[in-house]
N, C-alpha and C. Protein backbone atom coordinates (compact mmCIF):
# COMPACT_ATOMS: atom_id res chain seq x y z
N MET A 1 87.78 93.25 124.34
CA MET A 1 88.92 92.33 123.36
C MET A 1 89.68 93.55 123.05
N LYS A 2 90.63 93.00 122.98
CA LYS A 2 91.75 93.80 122.42
C LYS A 2 91.80 93.54 121.38
N GLU A 3 92.50 95.09 120.35
CA GLU A 3 92.44 94.84 119.14
C GLU A 3 93.93 95.61 118.90
N THR A 4 94.19 95.25 117.50
CA THR A 4 95.31 95.49 116.31
C THR A 4 95.41 97.19 116.16
N PRO A 5 96.17 97.62 115.96
CA PRO A 5 96.19 98.94 114.92
C PRO A 5 95.38 99.06 113.56
N SER A 6 95.22 97.76 113.46
CA SER A 6 94.74 97.94 111.91
C SER A 6 93.32 97.54 112.52
N GLY A 7 92.79 97.06 113.42
CA GLY A 7 91.12 96.67 113.89
C GLY A 7 91.03 95.30 114.09
N LEU A 8 91.94 94.98 113.80
CA LEU A 8 91.56 93.31 113.75
C LEU A 8 91.76 92.64 114.87
N PRO A 9 90.86 91.78 116.02
CA PRO A 9 90.78 91.31 117.30
C PRO A 9 92.52 90.42 117.81
N LEU A 10 92.58 90.36 118.82
CA LEU A 10 93.66 89.68 119.38
C LEU A 10 92.77 88.44 119.70
N SER A 11 92.87 87.11 119.99
CA SER A 11 92.71 86.32 120.59
C SER A 11 93.65 86.63 121.96
N GLY A 12 93.10 85.51 123.22
CA GLY A 12 93.68 85.25 124.31
C GLY A 12 94.84 84.83 123.63
N GLU A 13 95.88 85.10 125.11
CA GLU A 13 97.48 84.78 125.18
C GLU A 13 97.65 83.35 124.84
N GLY A 14 99.16 83.48 123.49
CA GLY A 14 99.10 82.04 123.14
C GLY A 14 98.80 81.61 122.35
N GLN A 15 97.34 81.98 121.64
CA GLN A 15 96.99 82.03 120.56
C GLN A 15 97.25 82.40 119.67
N THR A 16 96.87 82.25 118.20
CA THR A 16 97.07 82.91 116.71
C THR A 16 95.71 82.96 116.22
N PRO A 17 95.16 84.18 116.27
CA PRO A 17 93.61 84.18 116.17
C PRO A 17 93.50 84.01 114.38
N LYS A 18 92.17 83.31 114.07
CA LYS A 18 92.21 82.98 112.69
C LYS A 18 91.99 84.11 111.98
N LEU A 19 92.24 84.57 110.63
CA LEU A 19 91.46 85.29 110.13
C LEU A 19 91.55 84.82 108.42
N LEU A 20 89.84 84.83 108.04
CA LEU A 20 89.37 84.40 106.80
C LEU A 20 89.50 85.18 105.78
N ALA A 21 90.28 84.85 105.04
CA ALA A 21 90.46 85.94 103.48
C ALA A 21 89.62 84.91 102.51
N ILE A 22 88.56 85.91 101.82
CA ILE A 22 88.20 85.00 100.69
C ILE A 22 87.88 86.19 99.80
N SER A 23 88.22 85.91 98.54
CA SER A 23 87.85 86.92 96.99
C SER A 23 87.14 85.97 95.72
N SER A 24 87.03 86.99 94.98
CA SER A 24 87.15 86.32 93.66
C SER A 24 88.41 86.24 92.75
N PRO A 25 88.45 85.57 91.51
CA PRO A 25 89.79 85.68 90.85
C PRO A 25 89.69 86.89 90.36
N GLY A 26 91.27 86.96 89.83
CA GLY A 26 91.85 87.84 88.88
C GLY A 26 92.60 89.26 90.19
N GLY A 27 92.12 90.76 90.04
CA GLY A 27 92.55 91.51 90.64
C GLY A 27 92.03 91.49 92.31
N HIS A 28 90.82 90.91 92.43
CA HIS A 28 90.39 90.54 94.29
C HIS A 28 92.10 90.33 94.49
N TRP A 29 91.71 88.74 93.68
CA TRP A 29 93.04 87.80 95.12
C TRP A 29 94.14 88.29 94.82
N ILE A 30 94.80 88.83 93.90
CA ILE A 30 95.79 89.63 93.96
C ILE A 30 96.06 90.43 95.17
N GLN A 31 94.85 91.29 94.98
CA GLN A 31 94.81 92.25 96.45
C GLN A 31 94.67 91.55 97.49
N LEU A 32 94.25 90.90 97.51
CA LEU A 32 93.61 89.95 99.02
C LEU A 32 95.35 89.56 99.37
N THR A 33 95.89 88.26 98.33
CA THR A 33 97.08 88.01 99.15
C THR A 33 98.06 89.39 99.12
N ARG A 34 98.12 90.10 98.61
CA ARG A 34 99.26 90.82 99.31
C ARG A 34 98.49 91.33 100.53
N LEU A 35 97.55 92.26 100.70
CA LEU A 35 96.99 92.65 101.65
C LEU A 35 97.59 91.22 103.21
N CYS A 36 97.15 89.98 102.76
CA CYS A 36 97.87 88.94 103.91
C CYS A 36 98.91 88.63 103.64
N LYS A 37 99.82 89.42 103.34
CA LYS A 37 101.22 88.95 102.78
C LYS A 37 102.05 89.55 104.54
N GLY A 38 101.69 90.39 104.83
CA GLY A 38 101.52 91.57 105.86
C GLY A 38 101.03 90.82 107.29
N LEU A 39 100.61 89.93 107.35
CA LEU A 39 99.32 89.74 108.25
C LEU A 39 99.68 88.28 109.07
N GLU A 40 100.77 87.36 108.05
CA GLU A 40 101.01 86.08 107.80
C GLU A 40 101.41 85.86 109.69
N ASP A 41 102.53 87.07 110.34
CA ASP A 41 103.00 86.56 111.22
C ASP A 41 102.30 87.16 112.52
N ARG A 42 101.01 87.50 112.25
CA ARG A 42 100.08 87.62 113.80
C ARG A 42 98.99 87.32 113.25
N TYR A 43 98.72 86.60 112.32
CA TYR A 43 97.33 85.57 112.23
C TYR A 43 97.58 84.20 111.38
N ALA A 44 96.73 83.24 112.11
CA ALA A 44 97.03 82.14 111.20
C ALA A 44 95.97 82.51 110.44
N ILE A 45 96.17 82.77 108.57
CA ILE A 45 95.04 82.81 108.21
C ILE A 45 94.52 81.45 107.02
N VAL A 46 93.27 81.18 106.97
CA VAL A 46 92.54 80.88 106.44
C VAL A 46 91.72 81.19 105.15
N TYR A 47 92.64 80.83 103.62
CA TYR A 47 92.04 81.12 102.79
C TYR A 47 90.83 80.57 102.00
N ALA A 48 90.02 80.84 101.66
CA ALA A 48 88.36 80.63 100.53
C ALA A 48 88.89 81.08 99.45
N MET A 49 88.26 80.37 97.90
CA MET A 49 88.17 81.33 97.14
C MET A 49 87.68 80.14 96.19
N PRO A 50 87.01 80.40 94.48
CA PRO A 50 86.77 79.81 93.36
C PRO A 50 87.57 78.48 93.55
N ALA A 51 87.11 77.54 92.79
CA ALA A 51 87.90 76.52 92.33
C ALA A 51 88.84 77.13 91.32
N ALA A 52 88.36 78.08 90.84
CA ALA A 52 89.48 78.27 89.31
C ALA A 52 90.84 78.95 90.26
N LEU A 53 90.76 79.10 91.44
CA LEU A 53 92.02 79.68 91.82
C LEU A 53 93.11 78.52 92.21
N PHE A 54 92.49 77.35 92.06
CA PHE A 54 93.41 76.59 93.08
C PHE A 54 94.62 76.29 92.54
N GLY A 55 94.88 76.28 91.53
CA GLY A 55 96.55 76.19 91.09
C GLY A 55 97.23 77.46 91.67
N ALA A 56 96.52 78.59 92.09
CA ALA A 56 97.04 79.60 92.72
C ALA A 56 97.67 79.25 94.08
N SER A 57 96.44 78.23 94.45
CA SER A 57 96.73 78.11 96.12
C SER A 57 97.82 77.70 96.83
N LYS A 58 99.22 76.93 95.85
CA LYS A 58 100.03 76.45 95.51
C LYS A 58 101.22 77.20 96.12
N ALA A 59 100.75 78.81 96.06
CA ALA A 59 101.78 79.51 96.26
C ALA A 59 101.60 79.73 97.61
N LEU A 60 100.73 79.39 98.43
CA LEU A 60 100.27 79.77 99.62
C LEU A 60 100.72 79.19 100.46
N GLY A 61 101.16 77.86 99.96
CA GLY A 61 102.51 76.80 100.83
C GLY A 61 101.37 76.08 102.02
N GLU A 62 101.94 76.46 103.43
CA GLU A 62 100.84 75.85 104.37
C GLU A 62 99.53 76.08 104.83
N GLN A 63 99.57 77.12 104.68
CA GLN A 63 98.27 78.11 104.40
C GLN A 63 97.15 76.88 104.04
N LYS A 64 95.97 76.76 105.43
CA LYS A 64 94.35 76.08 105.19
C LYS A 64 93.90 76.99 103.47
N VAL A 65 93.11 76.16 102.99
CA VAL A 65 93.09 76.50 101.59
C VAL A 65 91.01 75.91 101.37
N TYR A 66 90.18 76.38 101.67
CA TYR A 66 88.89 75.79 100.96
C TYR A 66 88.24 76.46 99.84
N SER A 67 87.93 76.06 98.81
CA SER A 67 86.82 76.24 98.06
C SER A 67 85.46 76.55 98.11
N VAL A 68 85.03 77.67 97.23
CA VAL A 68 83.90 77.80 97.02
C VAL A 68 83.39 78.23 95.80
N THR A 69 82.05 78.28 95.37
CA THR A 69 81.22 78.45 94.05
C THR A 69 81.66 79.88 94.08
N ASP A 70 81.98 79.99 92.76
CA ASP A 70 82.17 81.28 92.47
C ASP A 70 80.90 82.05 91.39
N VAL A 71 80.63 83.41 92.06
CA VAL A 71 78.98 83.68 91.81
C VAL A 71 79.36 85.51 91.42
N SER A 72 78.38 85.42 90.37
CA SER A 72 78.01 86.56 90.09
C SER A 72 77.31 87.21 89.62
N ALA A 73 76.40 88.41 89.46
CA ALA A 73 75.52 88.92 88.93
C ALA A 73 74.49 88.37 87.89
N ASP A 74 75.38 87.21 87.01
CA ASP A 74 74.94 86.94 85.65
C ASP A 74 74.73 85.18 86.54
N ASP A 75 75.06 84.73 87.18
CA ASP A 75 74.30 83.59 87.76
C ASP A 75 74.00 83.45 89.47
N LYS A 76 73.02 84.17 89.86
CA LYS A 76 72.33 83.76 91.23
C LYS A 76 72.21 82.46 91.42
N TRP A 77 71.85 82.19 90.38
CA TRP A 77 71.49 80.59 91.29
C TRP A 77 72.35 79.73 91.91
N ARG A 78 73.80 80.70 91.69
CA ARG A 78 75.07 79.53 92.72
C ARG A 78 75.31 80.99 94.06
N LEU A 79 74.38 81.56 94.13
CA LEU A 79 74.38 82.51 95.47
C LEU A 79 73.79 80.81 96.78
N ILE A 80 72.90 80.33 96.65
CA ILE A 80 72.83 79.39 96.97
C ILE A 80 73.87 78.29 97.70
N PRO A 81 74.30 77.88 97.21
CA PRO A 81 75.35 76.44 97.24
C PRO A 81 77.14 77.65 97.65
N CYS A 82 77.01 78.43 97.35
CA CYS A 82 78.64 79.19 97.84
C CYS A 82 78.05 79.86 99.09
N SER A 83 76.58 80.20 99.10
CA SER A 83 76.56 80.66 101.18
C SER A 83 76.45 79.38 101.92
N LEU A 84 76.49 78.86 101.55
CA LEU A 84 76.27 77.30 102.17
C LEU A 84 77.69 76.96 103.06
N GLN A 85 78.65 76.72 101.25
CA GLN A 85 80.02 76.47 101.69
C GLN A 85 80.58 77.49 102.70
N ILE A 86 80.33 79.06 102.64
CA ILE A 86 80.87 79.90 103.36
C ILE A 86 80.81 79.50 104.76
N LEU A 87 79.13 79.42 105.02
CA LEU A 87 78.61 79.29 106.51
C LEU A 87 79.36 78.41 106.78
N TYR A 88 79.64 76.94 106.45
CA TYR A 88 79.97 75.47 106.74
C TYR A 88 81.68 76.31 106.89
N ILE A 89 82.41 76.91 106.64
CA ILE A 89 83.82 77.33 106.61
C ILE A 89 83.75 77.93 108.06
N LEU A 90 82.99 79.20 108.04
CA LEU A 90 82.92 80.13 108.92
C LEU A 90 82.69 79.54 110.54
N LEU A 91 81.55 77.81 110.52
CA LEU A 91 81.26 77.41 111.69
C LEU A 91 82.38 76.53 112.32
N LYS A 92 83.21 76.30 110.88
CA LYS A 92 84.35 74.79 111.49
C LYS A 92 85.13 75.92 111.67
N GLU A 93 85.79 76.97 110.57
CA GLU A 93 87.50 77.61 111.28
C GLU A 93 86.90 78.63 112.77
N ARG A 94 85.51 79.16 112.79
CA ARG A 94 85.78 80.10 113.78
C ARG A 94 86.61 81.22 113.89
N PRO A 95 86.65 81.73 112.39
CA PRO A 95 87.62 83.33 112.62
C PRO A 95 87.00 84.44 113.25
N LYS A 96 88.35 84.94 113.85
CA LYS A 96 87.83 86.16 114.62
C LYS A 96 87.51 87.24 113.65
N ALA A 97 88.14 87.13 112.64
CA ALA A 97 87.89 88.30 111.54
C ALA A 97 87.72 87.61 110.18
N ILE A 98 87.08 88.49 109.60
CA ILE A 98 87.01 88.18 107.63
C ILE A 98 87.13 89.24 107.53
N LEU A 99 88.13 89.15 105.81
CA LEU A 99 88.80 89.96 105.32
C LEU A 99 88.06 89.70 103.83
N SER A 100 88.01 90.37 102.72
CA SER A 100 88.23 90.62 101.75
C SER A 100 87.73 91.80 100.80
N THR A 101 88.20 91.61 99.29
CA THR A 101 88.65 92.51 98.76
C THR A 101 87.49 92.19 97.48
N GLY A 102 86.34 91.46 97.68
CA GLY A 102 85.47 91.43 96.45
C GLY A 102 85.31 89.86 96.03
N ALA A 103 84.44 89.72 95.64
CA ALA A 103 83.34 90.01 94.92
C ALA A 103 82.29 89.34 95.65
N ALA A 104 80.98 88.77 94.64
CA ALA A 104 80.55 88.26 95.39
C ALA A 104 80.36 87.28 96.77
N PRO A 105 81.41 86.31 96.53
CA PRO A 105 81.95 85.62 97.35
C PRO A 105 82.14 86.06 98.84
N GLY A 106 83.13 87.23 98.92
CA GLY A 106 83.42 88.19 99.72
C GLY A 106 82.21 89.12 100.48
N ALA A 107 81.74 89.25 99.56
CA ALA A 107 80.02 89.78 100.32
C ALA A 107 79.08 89.04 101.39
N ILE A 108 78.84 87.64 100.88
CA ILE A 108 78.44 87.00 101.34
C ILE A 108 79.37 86.60 102.55
N ALA A 109 80.24 86.26 102.63
CA ALA A 109 80.96 85.92 103.73
C ALA A 109 80.99 87.21 105.07
N ILE A 110 81.01 88.57 104.57
CA ILE A 110 80.76 89.40 105.20
C ILE A 110 79.67 89.98 105.85
N TRP A 111 78.36 89.18 105.15
CA TRP A 111 76.97 89.16 105.50
C TRP A 111 76.85 88.15 106.77
N LEU A 112 77.11 86.81 106.36
CA LEU A 112 77.22 85.72 106.78
C LEU A 112 78.00 86.25 108.95
N GLY A 113 79.14 86.13 108.35
CA GLY A 113 79.89 86.63 109.54
C GLY A 113 79.56 87.97 110.26
N SER A 114 79.24 88.72 109.78
CA SER A 114 78.40 89.94 110.57
C SER A 114 77.36 89.31 111.69
N PHE A 115 76.49 88.62 111.32
CA PHE A 115 75.29 87.34 111.99
C PHE A 115 75.50 86.39 112.74
N LEU A 116 76.95 86.12 112.59
CA LEU A 116 77.61 85.58 113.58
C LEU A 116 78.68 86.03 114.83
N GLY A 117 78.77 87.40 114.74
CA GLY A 117 79.54 88.26 115.32
C GLY A 117 81.10 88.18 115.28
N ILE A 118 81.65 88.02 114.17
CA ILE A 118 82.55 88.01 113.19
C ILE A 118 83.25 89.41 113.15
N ARG A 119 84.07 89.86 113.05
CA ARG A 119 84.86 91.43 112.81
C ARG A 119 84.60 90.90 111.28
N THR A 120 84.54 92.28 110.76
CA THR A 120 84.56 91.97 108.72
C THR A 120 85.10 93.24 108.48
N ILE A 121 85.86 92.97 107.45
CA ILE A 121 86.75 94.53 106.66
C ILE A 121 86.34 93.82 105.55
N TRP A 122 85.78 95.17 104.65
CA TRP A 122 86.32 95.00 102.98
C TRP A 122 87.11 96.14 102.48
N VAL A 123 87.70 95.53 101.73
CA VAL A 123 88.46 96.35 101.15
C VAL A 123 87.96 96.29 99.88
N ASP A 124 87.84 96.86 99.34
CA ASP A 124 86.62 97.49 97.96
C ASP A 124 88.18 97.69 96.80
N SER A 125 87.90 96.84 95.70
CA SER A 125 89.20 96.66 94.70
C SER A 125 89.51 98.34 94.33
N ILE A 126 90.73 98.45 94.11
CA ILE A 126 91.06 99.34 93.43
C ILE A 126 90.79 100.05 91.75
N ALA A 127 90.03 98.83 91.27
CA ALA A 127 89.61 98.92 89.86
C ALA A 127 88.13 100.21 89.90
N ASN A 128 87.45 100.15 91.49
CA ASN A 128 86.93 101.21 91.20
C ASN A 128 86.85 102.28 91.33
N VAL A 129 87.30 102.82 90.41
CA VAL A 129 87.68 103.93 90.53
C VAL A 129 86.38 105.50 90.41
N LYS A 130 85.04 105.47 89.91
CA LYS A 130 84.33 106.27 90.07
C LYS A 130 83.33 105.75 91.15
N GLN A 131 82.83 104.99 91.47
CA GLN A 131 81.64 104.64 92.39
C GLN A 131 82.24 103.35 92.99
N LEU A 132 81.79 102.74 94.25
CA LEU A 132 81.89 101.71 95.07
C LEU A 132 81.13 100.26 94.35
N SER A 133 81.82 99.20 94.21
CA SER A 133 81.30 98.05 93.33
C SER A 133 80.05 97.82 94.02
N LYS A 134 79.43 97.05 93.36
CA LYS A 134 77.91 96.24 93.65
C LYS A 134 78.47 95.79 94.47
N ALA A 135 78.78 94.43 94.70
CA ALA A 135 79.33 93.64 95.93
C ALA A 135 79.44 94.69 97.30
N GLY A 136 80.25 95.67 97.06
CA GLY A 136 80.78 96.29 98.57
C GLY A 136 79.57 97.50 98.42
N ARG A 137 78.92 97.83 97.80
CA ARG A 137 77.89 98.39 98.59
C ARG A 137 77.17 97.22 99.38
N LEU A 138 76.81 96.08 98.76
CA LEU A 138 76.37 95.26 99.56
C LEU A 138 76.98 94.97 101.13
N ALA A 139 78.32 95.13 100.86
CA ALA A 139 78.79 94.28 101.98
C ALA A 139 79.06 95.78 103.34
N GLN A 140 79.44 96.98 102.44
CA GLN A 140 79.12 97.92 103.06
C GLN A 140 77.90 98.08 104.44
N LYS A 141 76.58 97.79 104.09
CA LYS A 141 75.98 97.59 105.43
C LYS A 141 76.16 96.80 106.01
N ARG A 142 76.83 96.08 106.02
CA ARG A 142 77.23 94.83 106.95
C ARG A 142 78.80 95.10 107.45
N ALA A 143 79.99 95.51 106.94
CA ALA A 143 80.93 95.46 107.10
C ALA A 143 81.42 96.06 108.42
N ASP A 144 82.13 95.96 109.37
CA ASP A 144 82.59 96.71 110.26
C ASP A 144 83.85 97.57 110.09
N VAL A 145 84.55 97.12 108.91
CA VAL A 145 85.29 98.27 108.75
C VAL A 145 85.49 98.20 106.88
N PHE A 146 85.08 99.52 106.34
CA PHE A 146 84.99 99.41 104.70
C PHE A 146 86.04 100.33 104.33
N LEU A 147 86.54 100.21 103.63
CA LEU A 147 87.98 100.76 103.34
C LEU A 147 87.60 100.74 101.36
N THR A 148 87.95 101.69 101.07
CA THR A 148 88.38 102.47 99.67
C THR A 148 89.63 102.49 99.38
N GLN A 149 90.16 102.45 97.99
CA GLN A 149 91.07 102.46 97.50
C GLN A 149 91.64 103.92 96.83
N TRP A 150 90.46 104.62 96.84
CA TRP A 150 90.10 105.65 96.09
C TRP A 150 89.73 106.80 97.37
N GLU A 151 91.10 107.49 97.20
CA GLU A 151 90.19 109.28 98.48
C GLU A 151 88.83 109.59 97.77
N HIS A 152 88.76 109.87 96.56
CA HIS A 152 87.73 110.82 96.40
C HIS A 152 86.18 109.89 96.49
N LEU A 153 86.42 108.19 96.59
CA LEU A 153 85.04 108.06 97.22
C LEU A 153 85.26 107.72 98.77
N SER A 154 85.68 108.14 99.52
CA SER A 154 86.07 108.00 101.26
C SER A 154 84.82 109.11 101.68
N ASP A 155 84.14 109.03 102.63
CA ASP A 155 83.32 109.90 102.98
C ASP A 155 83.90 109.75 104.55
N GLY A 156 84.90 109.47 104.59
CA GLY A 156 85.52 109.61 105.90
C GLY A 156 85.14 109.17 107.43
N HIS A 157 83.79 108.81 107.76
CA HIS A 157 83.00 108.20 108.43
C HIS A 157 83.18 106.36 108.19
N SER A 158 81.97 106.24 107.32
CA SER A 158 81.68 104.69 107.07
C SER A 158 82.56 104.04 106.05
N ILE A 159 83.05 104.71 104.86
CA ILE A 159 83.88 104.93 104.34
C ILE A 159 84.89 105.23 103.89
N LEU A 160 86.03 104.32 104.55
CA LEU A 160 87.58 105.34 104.85
C LEU A 160 88.47 104.62 103.43
N TYR A 161 89.54 105.53 103.82
CA TYR A 161 90.54 105.71 102.54
C TYR A 161 91.98 105.73 103.54
N LYS A 162 92.85 104.64 103.33
CA LYS A 162 93.99 104.21 103.92
C LYS A 162 95.40 103.82 103.03
N GLY A 163 95.24 104.38 101.85
CA GLY A 163 96.03 104.05 100.59
C GLY A 163 95.53 102.89 99.78
N ALA A 164 96.28 102.35 98.87
CA ALA A 164 95.75 101.30 97.73
C ALA A 164 96.88 100.26 98.44
N VAL A 165 96.48 99.31 97.98
CA VAL A 165 97.07 97.94 97.75
C VAL A 165 98.07 97.47 96.61
N LEU A 166 97.67 98.12 95.01
CA LEU A 166 98.74 98.10 94.44
C LEU A 166 99.21 99.14 94.23
């Protein structure tokens, strides 16, 4: 399968490949939407975000947007509904790749996507200056491409630094 310079797969001729972009609210979402702006001309981007962000989804225009349950380390019981929602989205949309900036919903998508043979890309949040995020450490085990926004956190092999989003 052919790939773009960023490592994202290209679909067959005449088809626009789908990219699932998923994140938690706040800085994660801001970073994700900034990344996606540069990809919109090459990919049909499908967004997944917690319901709390649905007001922000109006700025996405014609893009397809799904709601997922937000989950964190404080409310692990929400992992099950969030996982089922993400699995539904993956099976329905069949994206060629998943891009996430965190946190837990993105890590879940990376894990599920990896088991379904979907290319996965994680960009750890710029807020994680001293170490990788907890969700990032979980995603690192399954992500095809793992990026940090801090050069000193890169190991040059499995954790790559290519610059910062913000």
